[in-house]
Amino acid sequence: MSEFIDNATKRKEAIKKIIRLLHEGRTVEDLQAEYGHIISGASAQDIATAEREVIAEGLPVSEVQKLCDLHVAVFQDGLETEPEPENMPGHPLFDFRTENELIARTVESLEGLLLQYAGGRTEILDQLRQNAKNLNMVTRHYDKKENMIFPILEKHGFSGQMQVMWGVDNEIREDLKRFLNLLEEEQPLGVSLESRFNEVSRKVIDMIYKEEKVLIPETMSFFTKSDWQQMADEIAGNVSKVYVPSEPSAVYTSLAGLIPLKTGALSAEQIDLLLTNLPVDITFVDENDQVRYFSQGKERIFTRTAAIIGRKVQYCHPPQSVHVVQKIIDDFKAGVKDVAEFWIQSQGLFVHIRYFALRDEAGQYKGVIEVSQNVTGIRALEGEKRLMD
């Protein structure tokens, strides 16, 4: 039996079998009883590798997402025995783990207030609402994870697992919105409020556990020194450093050292200034569905980080909406459409989002440009303004 357990390949296959049995309806208790000798020796990397392979073999990401909490429950004893990743001040993971500690403390404090409110102390409602504002750190934390950590792990082959975790993050975001909306009612019912919070707080705490026991060990195993530096620069807001592989530039020559365009010639600096100062956000995805550029305007609407350069655009969207992006790209490539547009309300802004297919002179598809614009002020315009103030 020990030879079987010690063999990495056989152990991985056994873990994959356990995951499939879990998805077929076997209980956590049954699996722990029958396969405890295998589970006890499973590391976070063993579980991550097995989960990644069952996704690649056809287990839908959506199904993994539904039962990923149970995956953690099955292997929890083994994960608890793993040493903690190094927690060094100044290291990007120090900030990441500190955020998890703050989130856990926030959840704990809100649980106490909700218990008092549900018990009849309605006078603390204002205090409860004020403290609940701290929950916005949860979504900021997930934004950091999805935009700084996921893209780098994907380069090491973790795309399926990252999509699963992103999907759960979005479920938590929606649960938080529902709780906060209920909290803003004039006199929310204490029992309902407590019940809704208990549901979302459990998911938040479970996600902290998954990050600490699975995600962080994976980053420690696979991130390079350059990866950590990139994340540190992003956290520091140093967006001027864009980490892209060095590639031979297209051959542009002119006596003045400018890049010749169809209707003029500009320097690289001028092009960058032009794109940066347009009153829109621009993201360019090439014909191979890879993100190649995004503008860095002063009031960017949607989060973009240097880590997405070279990333497949399908991985830049959560599983709940990736099918929409794929449909747009498929229609563009097939020549069915040249434009797709949406408009949404986000953070008090009315945002117009448009996608344009890019084609060369021969009509060949060369990529897509996404243009997002805050049109709140434009929608409010009335009458005419013919002269500058």
Protein backbone atom coordinates (compact mmCIF):
# COMPACT_ATOMS: atom_id res chain seq x y z
CA MET A 1 0.00 0.00 0.00
CA SER A 2 2.82 2.43 0.84
CA GLU A 3 4.38 1.90 -2.58
CA PHE A 4 1.04 2.80 -4.16
CA ILE A 5 0.69 5.96 -2.10
CA ASP A 6 4.29 7.04 -2.66
CA ASN A 7 4.01 6.72 -6.40
CA ALA A 8 3.17 10.25 -7.56
CA THR A 9 1.36 9.19 -10.72
CA LYS A 10 -0.81 6.59 -9.01
CA ARG A 11 -1.54 8.96 -6.14
CA LYS A 12 -2.68 11.61 -8.62
CA GLU A 13 -4.93 9.11 -10.40
CA ALA A 14 -6.41 8.07 -7.05
CA ILE A 15 -7.15 11.69 -6.15
CA LYS A 16 -8.80 12.18 -9.55
CA LYS A 17 -10.98 9.15 -8.83
CA ILE A 18 -11.97 10.62 -5.46
CA ILE A 19 -12.93 13.92 -7.10
CA ARG A 20 -15.05 12.13 -9.71
CA LEU A 21 -16.77 10.05 -7.01
CA LEU A 22 -17.53 13.22 -5.12
CA HIS A 23 -19.16 14.66 -8.22
CA GLU A 24 -21.14 11.45 -8.67
CA GLY A 25 -22.74 11.97 -5.27
CA ARG A 26 -20.53 10.12 -2.77
CA THR A 27 -20.41 11.79 0.62
CA VAL A 28 -17.37 13.40 2.19
CA GLU A 29 -17.53 10.96 5.10
CA ASP A 30 -17.63 7.88 2.84
CA LEU A 31 -14.67 9.03 0.79
CA GLN A 32 -12.61 9.90 3.84
CA ALA A 33 -13.34 6.49 5.33
CA GLU A 34 -12.55 4.54 2.16
CA TYR A 35 -9.61 6.57 0.85
CA GLY A 36 -8.21 8.07 4.04
CA HIS A 37 -4.80 6.45 3.46
CA ILE A 38 -4.50 8.36 0.17
CA ILE A 39 -6.11 11.60 1.31
CA SER A 40 -3.87 11.96 4.35
CA GLY A 41 -0.78 12.19 2.15
CA ALA A 42 -2.24 14.56 -0.43
CA SER A 43 -0.57 17.94 -0.78
CA ALA A 44 -2.13 21.10 -2.15
CA GLN A 45 -0.15 20.60 -5.34
CA ASP A 46 -1.37 16.99 -5.67
CA ILE A 47 -4.98 18.12 -5.38
CA ALA A 48 -4.48 21.08 -7.71
CA THR A 49 -2.84 18.89 -10.35
CA ALA A 50 -5.61 16.28 -10.15
CA GLU A 51 -8.36 18.88 -10.32
CA ARG A 52 -6.72 20.54 -13.29
CA GLU A 53 -6.56 17.22 -15.13
CA VAL A 54 -10.20 16.24 -14.53
CA ILE A 55 -11.18 19.62 -15.97
CA ALA A 56 -8.98 18.97 -19.00
CA GLU A 57 -10.57 15.51 -19.34
CA GLY A 58 -14.05 16.97 -19.65
CA LEU A 59 -15.41 17.71 -16.19
CA PRO A 60 -17.13 21.09 -16.73
CA VAL A 61 -15.72 24.07 -14.89
CA SER A 62 -19.26 24.86 -13.73
CA GLU A 63 -19.52 21.44 -12.05
CA VAL A 64 -16.16 21.84 -10.34
CA GLN A 65 -17.32 25.25 -9.15
CA LYS A 66 -20.48 23.79 -7.61
CA LEU A 67 -18.62 21.25 -5.51
CA CYS A 68 -15.20 22.82 -4.95
CA ASP A 69 -16.11 23.48 -1.31
CA LEU A 70 -16.54 19.73 -0.88
CA HIS A 71 -13.17 19.12 -2.53
CA VAL A 72 -11.58 21.17 0.24
CA ALA A 73 -13.64 19.35 2.90
CA VAL A 74 -12.49 15.93 1.66
CA PHE A 75 -8.80 16.84 1.73
CA GLN A 76 -8.86 19.28 4.65
CA ASP A 77 -6.93 17.08 7.10
CA GLY A 78 -4.08 16.64 4.65
CA LEU A 79 -3.96 20.32 3.80
CA GLU A 80 -3.83 21.28 7.47
CA THR A 81 -0.53 19.41 7.87
CA GLU A 82 1.24 21.43 5.17
CA PRO A 83 3.68 24.10 6.31
CA GLU A 84 2.56 27.70 5.88
CA PRO A 85 4.10 29.60 2.94
CA GLU A 86 6.77 32.07 3.96
CA ASN A 87 5.17 35.31 5.09
CA MET A 88 7.72 38.05 4.54
CA PRO A 89 7.01 41.78 5.10
CA GLY A 90 7.47 43.57 1.80
CA HIS A 91 6.57 40.47 -0.20
CA PRO A 92 3.36 40.75 -2.30
CA LEU A 93 1.90 37.78 -0.45
CA PHE A 94 2.32 39.64 2.84
CA ASP A 95 -0.28 42.18 1.65
CA PHE A 96 -2.46 39.42 0.24
CA ARG A 97 -2.50 37.40 3.45
CA THR A 98 -2.93 40.49 5.61
CA GLU A 99 -6.06 41.31 3.59
CA ASN A 100 -7.41 37.85 4.38
CA GLU A 101 -6.83 38.45 8.09
CA LEU A 102 -8.65 41.77 7.91
CA ILE A 103 -11.53 40.21 5.98
CA ALA A 104 -11.87 37.47 8.60
CA ARG A 105 -11.90 40.04 11.42
CA THR A 106 -14.50 42.14 9.61
CA VAL A 107 -16.75 39.12 9.17
CA GLU A 108 -16.34 38.23 12.84
CA SER A 109 -17.23 41.75 14.02
CA LEU A 110 -20.31 41.88 11.77
CA GLU A 111 -21.48 38.52 13.07
CA GLY A 112 -21.52 39.94 16.58
CA LEU A 113 -23.42 43.06 15.56
CA LEU A 114 -25.95 41.06 13.54
CA LEU A 115 -26.56 38.75 16.47
CA GLN A 116 -27.35 41.76 18.65
CA TYR A 117 -29.56 43.34 15.98
CA ALA A 118 -31.50 40.12 15.41
CA GLY A 119 -31.92 39.90 19.19
CA GLY A 120 -33.81 43.19 19.26
CA ARG A 121 -31.14 45.88 19.55
CA THR A 122 -32.40 47.86 16.54
CA GLU A 123 -30.58 50.98 17.72
CA ILE A 124 -27.28 49.58 16.41
CA LEU A 125 -28.52 49.53 12.80
CA ASP A 126 -26.46 52.61 11.85
CA GLN A 127 -23.35 51.10 13.39
CA LEU A 128 -24.01 47.87 11.51
CA ARG A 129 -24.37 49.72 8.21
CA GLN A 130 -21.19 51.68 8.81
CA ASN A 131 -19.16 48.57 9.66
CA ALA A 132 -20.59 46.71 6.65
CA LYS A 133 -18.86 49.22 4.37
CA ASN A 134 -15.61 47.43 5.24
CA LEU A 135 -16.85 44.48 3.17
CA ASN A 136 -15.73 46.34 0.05
CA MET A 137 -12.23 45.02 0.84
CA VAL A 138 -13.52 41.57 -0.18
CA THR A 139 -14.18 42.62 -3.77
CA ARG A 140 -10.91 44.60 -3.92
CA HIS A 141 -9.06 41.51 -2.71
CA TYR A 142 -10.71 39.36 -5.37
CA ASP A 143 -9.89 41.96 -8.04
CA LYS A 144 -6.23 41.75 -7.06
CA LYS A 145 -6.28 37.97 -7.17
CA GLU A 146 -8.04 37.78 -10.54
CA ASN A 147 -5.97 40.47 -12.24
CA MET A 148 -2.52 39.91 -10.73
CA ILE A 149 -2.25 36.27 -9.68
CA PHE A 150 -4.52 34.37 -12.09
CA PRO A 151 -2.83 35.56 -15.33
CA ILE A 152 0.59 34.40 -14.12
CA LEU A 153 -0.65 31.03 -12.86
CA GLU A 154 -2.41 30.51 -16.19
CA LYS A 155 0.98 30.70 -17.89
CA HIS A 156 1.93 27.69 -15.79
CA GLY A 157 -1.17 25.73 -16.87
CA PHE A 158 -3.75 26.60 -14.22
CA SER A 159 -6.48 28.13 -16.40
CA GLY A 160 -9.30 25.73 -15.48
CA GLN A 161 -8.82 26.03 -11.73
CA MET A 162 -8.56 29.81 -11.92
CA GLN A 163 -11.87 29.96 -13.78
CA VAL A 164 -13.49 27.85 -11.06
CA MET A 165 -12.25 30.15 -8.30
CA TRP A 166 -13.24 33.24 -10.29
CA GLY A 167 -16.75 31.84 -10.66
CA VAL A 168 -17.02 31.36 -6.89
CA ASP A 169 -15.68 34.89 -6.35
CA ASN A 170 -18.52 36.21 -8.49
CA GLU A 171 -21.08 34.24 -6.52
CA ILE A 172 -19.73 35.84 -3.35
CA ARG A 173 -19.91 39.29 -4.96
CA GLU A 174 -23.58 38.73 -5.79
CA ASP A 175 -24.32 37.43 -2.28
CA LEU A 176 -22.63 40.49 -0.78
CA LYS A 177 -24.74 42.79 -2.96
CA ARG A 178 -27.93 41.06 -1.83
CA PHE A 179 -26.92 41.34 1.82
CA LEU A 180 -25.96 45.02 1.51
CA ASN A 181 -29.19 45.82 -0.38
CA LEU A 182 -31.22 44.18 2.37
CA LEU A 183 -29.22 46.09 4.98
CA GLU A 184 -30.16 49.41 3.31
CA GLU A 185 -33.88 48.80 3.71
CA GLU A 186 -35.48 51.20 6.18
CA GLN A 187 -36.04 48.56 8.86
CA PRO A 188 -34.53 45.26 7.67
CA LEU A 189 -35.82 42.14 9.37
CA GLY A 190 -33.13 40.93 11.75
CA VAL A 191 -33.67 37.21 11.15
CA SER A 192 -33.51 37.57 7.36
CA LEU A 193 -30.46 39.81 7.60
CA GLU A 194 -28.62 37.38 9.84
CA SER A 195 -29.52 34.42 7.63
CA ARG A 196 -28.32 36.11 4.47
CA PHE A 197 -25.09 37.23 6.09
CA ASN A 198 -24.39 33.77 7.51
CA GLU A 199 -24.63 32.36 3.99
CA VAL A 200 -22.19 34.81 2.44
CA SER A 201 -19.81 34.87 5.42
CA ARG A 202 -19.41 31.10 5.21
CA LYS A 203 -18.41 31.40 1.55
CA VAL A 204 -16.00 34.24 2.30
CA ILE A 205 -14.28 32.27 5.08
CA ASP A 206 -14.14 29.15 2.89
CA MET A 207 -12.49 31.20 0.14
CA ILE A 208 -9.87 32.45 2.60
CA TYR A 209 -9.12 28.82 3.44
CA LYS A 210 -8.80 27.88 -0.26
CA GLU A 211 -6.47 30.79 -0.91
CA GLU A 212 -4.29 30.04 2.10
CA LYS A 213 -4.11 26.27 1.57
CA VAL A 214 -4.19 25.93 -2.22
CA LEU A 215 -3.71 29.20 -4.11
CA ILE A 216 -0.84 30.65 -2.08
CA PRO A 217 1.20 27.41 -2.04
CA GLU A 218 0.76 27.21 -5.81
CA THR A 219 2.07 30.75 -6.26
CA MET A 220 5.04 29.96 -4.03
CA SER A 221 5.80 26.92 -6.18
CA PHE A 222 5.51 28.50 -9.59
CA PHE A 223 6.01 32.27 -9.41
CA THR A 224 9.43 33.43 -10.52
CA LYS A 225 11.35 36.40 -9.13
CA SER A 226 10.16 38.40 -12.14
CA ASP A 227 6.54 37.38 -11.47
CA TRP A 228 6.78 38.63 -7.89
CA GLN A 229 8.37 41.89 -9.04
CA GLN A 230 5.56 42.40 -11.53
CA MET A 231 2.95 41.87 -8.81
CA ALA A 232 4.81 44.20 -6.43
CA ASP A 233 4.87 46.94 -9.07
CA GLU A 234 1.17 46.49 -9.71
CA ILE A 235 0.35 46.75 -6.00
CA ALA A 236 2.48 49.90 -5.79
CA GLY A 237 0.54 51.38 -8.70
CA ASN A 238 3.59 51.44 -10.94
CA VAL A 239 1.62 50.90 -14.16
CA SER A 240 4.42 52.34 -16.30
CA LYS A 241 6.23 49.02 -16.13
CA VAL A 242 4.60 46.73 -18.68
CA TYR A 243 6.05 43.23 -18.65
CA VAL A 244 5.91 41.92 -22.20
CA PRO A 245 8.30 39.56 -23.96
CA SER A 246 10.82 41.36 -26.12
CA GLU A 247 9.77 41.01 -29.74
CA PRO A 248 11.25 42.41 -32.93
CA SER A 249 9.29 45.51 -33.83
CA ALA A 250 7.76 45.94 -37.23
CA VAL A 251 10.15 47.67 -39.60
CA TYR A 252 9.20 51.33 -39.57
CA THR A 253 11.75 53.70 -41.02
CA SER A 254 11.82 57.38 -41.77
CA LEU A 255 14.48 60.03 -41.79
CA ALA A 256 12.93 61.70 -38.77
CA GLY A 257 12.76 58.46 -36.81
CA LEU A 258 8.95 58.52 -36.85
CA ILE A 259 6.52 55.69 -37.48
CA PRO A 260 4.86 56.29 -40.85
CA LEU A 261 1.06 55.98 -40.78
CA LYS A 262 -1.49 56.31 -43.56
CA THR A 263 -2.20 59.95 -42.80
CA GLY A 264 0.95 61.13 -41.08
CA ALA A 265 3.90 60.02 -38.97
CA LEU A 266 4.21 59.91 -35.19
CA SER A 267 6.82 58.91 -32.65
CA ALA A 268 6.13 56.06 -30.23
CA GLU A 269 5.86 58.63 -27.45
CA GLN A 270 3.26 60.62 -29.38
CA ILE A 271 1.21 57.51 -30.09
CA ASP A 272 1.30 56.60 -26.42
CA LEU A 273 0.25 60.11 -25.37
CA LEU A 274 -2.55 60.12 -27.92
CA LEU A 275 -4.00 56.79 -26.81
CA THR A 276 -3.56 57.54 -23.12
CA ASN A 277 -5.41 60.85 -23.30
CA LEU A 278 -8.40 59.76 -25.35
CA PRO A 279 -11.61 60.07 -23.27
CA VAL A 280 -12.18 56.32 -23.63
CA ASP A 281 -10.63 53.08 -22.41
CA ILE A 282 -9.12 51.00 -25.21
CA THR A 283 -8.13 47.34 -25.16
CA PHE A 284 -6.78 45.55 -28.24
CA VAL A 285 -7.02 41.79 -28.74
CA ASP A 286 -5.22 40.31 -31.76
CA GLU A 287 -6.40 37.70 -34.26
CA ASN A 288 -5.13 34.92 -31.94
CA ASP A 289 -7.41 36.16 -29.11
CA GLN A 290 -4.45 37.46 -27.10
CA VAL A 291 -4.56 40.80 -25.31
CA ARG A 292 -1.81 42.94 -26.82
CA TYR A 293 -2.49 46.44 -25.52
CA PHE A 294 -4.62 48.55 -23.22
CA SER A 295 -4.61 52.29 -22.75
CA GLN A 296 -3.72 53.73 -19.36
CA GLY A 297 -6.08 56.67 -19.08
CA LYS A 298 -6.48 58.77 -15.96
CA GLU A 299 -9.99 57.55 -15.23
CA ARG A 300 -10.03 53.95 -16.40
CA ILE A 301 -13.44 52.36 -15.92
CA PHE A 302 -12.51 48.68 -15.78
CA THR A 303 -9.46 47.17 -14.11
CA ARG A 304 -6.56 46.31 -16.41
CA THR A 305 -3.15 45.18 -15.21
CA ALA A 306 0.13 44.49 -17.00
CA ALA A 307 -0.31 40.78 -16.29
CA ILE A 308 -3.03 40.47 -18.96
CA ILE A 309 -0.64 41.32 -21.81
CA GLY A 310 -0.34 38.13 -23.85
CA ARG A 311 -3.26 36.53 -22.01
CA LYS A 312 -6.12 34.88 -23.86
CA VAL A 313 -9.09 37.24 -23.74
CA GLN A 314 -11.38 34.35 -22.77
CA TYR A 315 -9.48 34.08 -19.46
CA CYS A 316 -9.99 37.79 -18.78
CA HIS A 317 -13.70 37.23 -18.12
CA PRO A 318 -15.46 35.16 -15.47
CA PRO A 319 -17.12 31.90 -16.59
CA GLN A 320 -20.57 33.47 -16.27
CA SER A 321 -19.89 35.91 -19.15
CA VAL A 322 -17.13 34.32 -21.23
CA HIS A 323 -19.71 32.86 -23.64
CA VAL A 324 -20.78 36.39 -24.60
CA VAL A 325 -17.20 37.37 -25.42
CA GLN A 326 -16.70 34.17 -27.40
CA LYS A 327 -19.88 34.82 -29.44
CA ILE A 328 -18.69 38.33 -30.33
CA ILE A 329 -15.28 37.05 -31.46
CA ASP A 330 -16.81 34.15 -33.42
CA ASP A 331 -19.19 36.53 -35.23
CA PHE A 332 -16.35 38.91 -36.03
CA LYS A 333 -14.13 36.14 -37.39
CA ALA A 334 -16.98 34.75 -39.48
CA GLY A 335 -17.75 38.20 -40.89
CA VAL A 336 -21.28 38.11 -39.48
CA LYS A 337 -20.79 41.36 -37.56
CA ASP A 338 -18.34 44.22 -37.34
CA VAL A 339 -19.68 45.94 -34.22
CA ALA A 340 -21.19 44.86 -30.90
CA GLU A 341 -22.25 47.24 -28.17
CA PHE A 342 -23.64 47.27 -24.66
CA TRP A 343 -24.48 49.87 -22.06
CA ILE A 344 -24.57 49.33 -18.33
CA GLN A 345 -24.78 51.25 -15.06
CA SER A 346 -21.73 50.70 -12.86
CA GLN A 347 -20.64 52.53 -9.70
CA GLY A 348 -23.00 55.41 -10.43
CA LEU A 349 -21.77 55.76 -14.02
CA PHE A 350 -23.56 55.08 -17.30
CA VAL A 351 -20.99 53.17 -19.35
CA HIS A 352 -21.10 52.56 -23.10
CA ILE A 353 -19.06 49.53 -24.22
CA ARG A 354 -18.36 48.85 -27.89
CA TYR A 355 -16.41 46.17 -29.71
CA PHE A 356 -15.10 46.72 -33.25
CA ALA A 357 -13.71 44.06 -35.56
CA LEU A 358 -10.40 45.07 -37.14
CA ARG A 359 -9.74 43.90 -40.71
CA ASP A 360 -6.90 44.55 -43.14
CA GLU A 361 -7.39 45.84 -46.67
CA ALA A 362 -8.06 42.31 -47.87
CA GLY A 363 -10.83 41.91 -45.32
CA GLN A 364 -8.87 39.49 -43.13
CA TYR A 365 -9.73 39.57 -39.44
CA LYS A 366 -6.86 41.10 -37.44
CA GLY A 367 -8.40 41.39 -34.01
CA VAL A 368 -10.90 43.36 -31.98
CA ILE A 369 -10.75 46.66 -30.16
CA GLU A 370 -12.85 47.24 -27.06
CA VAL A 371 -13.80 50.86 -26.39
CA SER A 372 -15.43 51.75 -23.07
CA GLN A 373 -16.64 55.23 -22.23
CA ASN A 374 -18.30 56.93 -19.29
CA VAL A 375 -21.18 58.73 -21.04
CA THR A 376 -22.98 59.90 -17.90
CA GLY A 377 -22.22 63.55 -18.63
CA ILE A 378 -22.93 63.19 -22.35
CA ARG A 379 -26.40 61.80 -21.64
CA ALA A 380 -27.17 64.83 -19.47
CA LEU A 381 -26.34 67.38 -22.18
CA GLU A 382 -29.16 69.63 -23.37
CA GLY A 383 -29.50 72.46 -25.87
CA GLU A 384 -26.34 73.66 -27.61
CA LYS A 385 -22.92 74.99 -26.74
CA ARG A 386 -21.26 76.61 -29.74
CA LEU A 387 -18.52 78.65 -28.06
CA MET A 388 -15.85 77.80 -25.52
CA ASP A 389 -16.33 79.32 -22.08
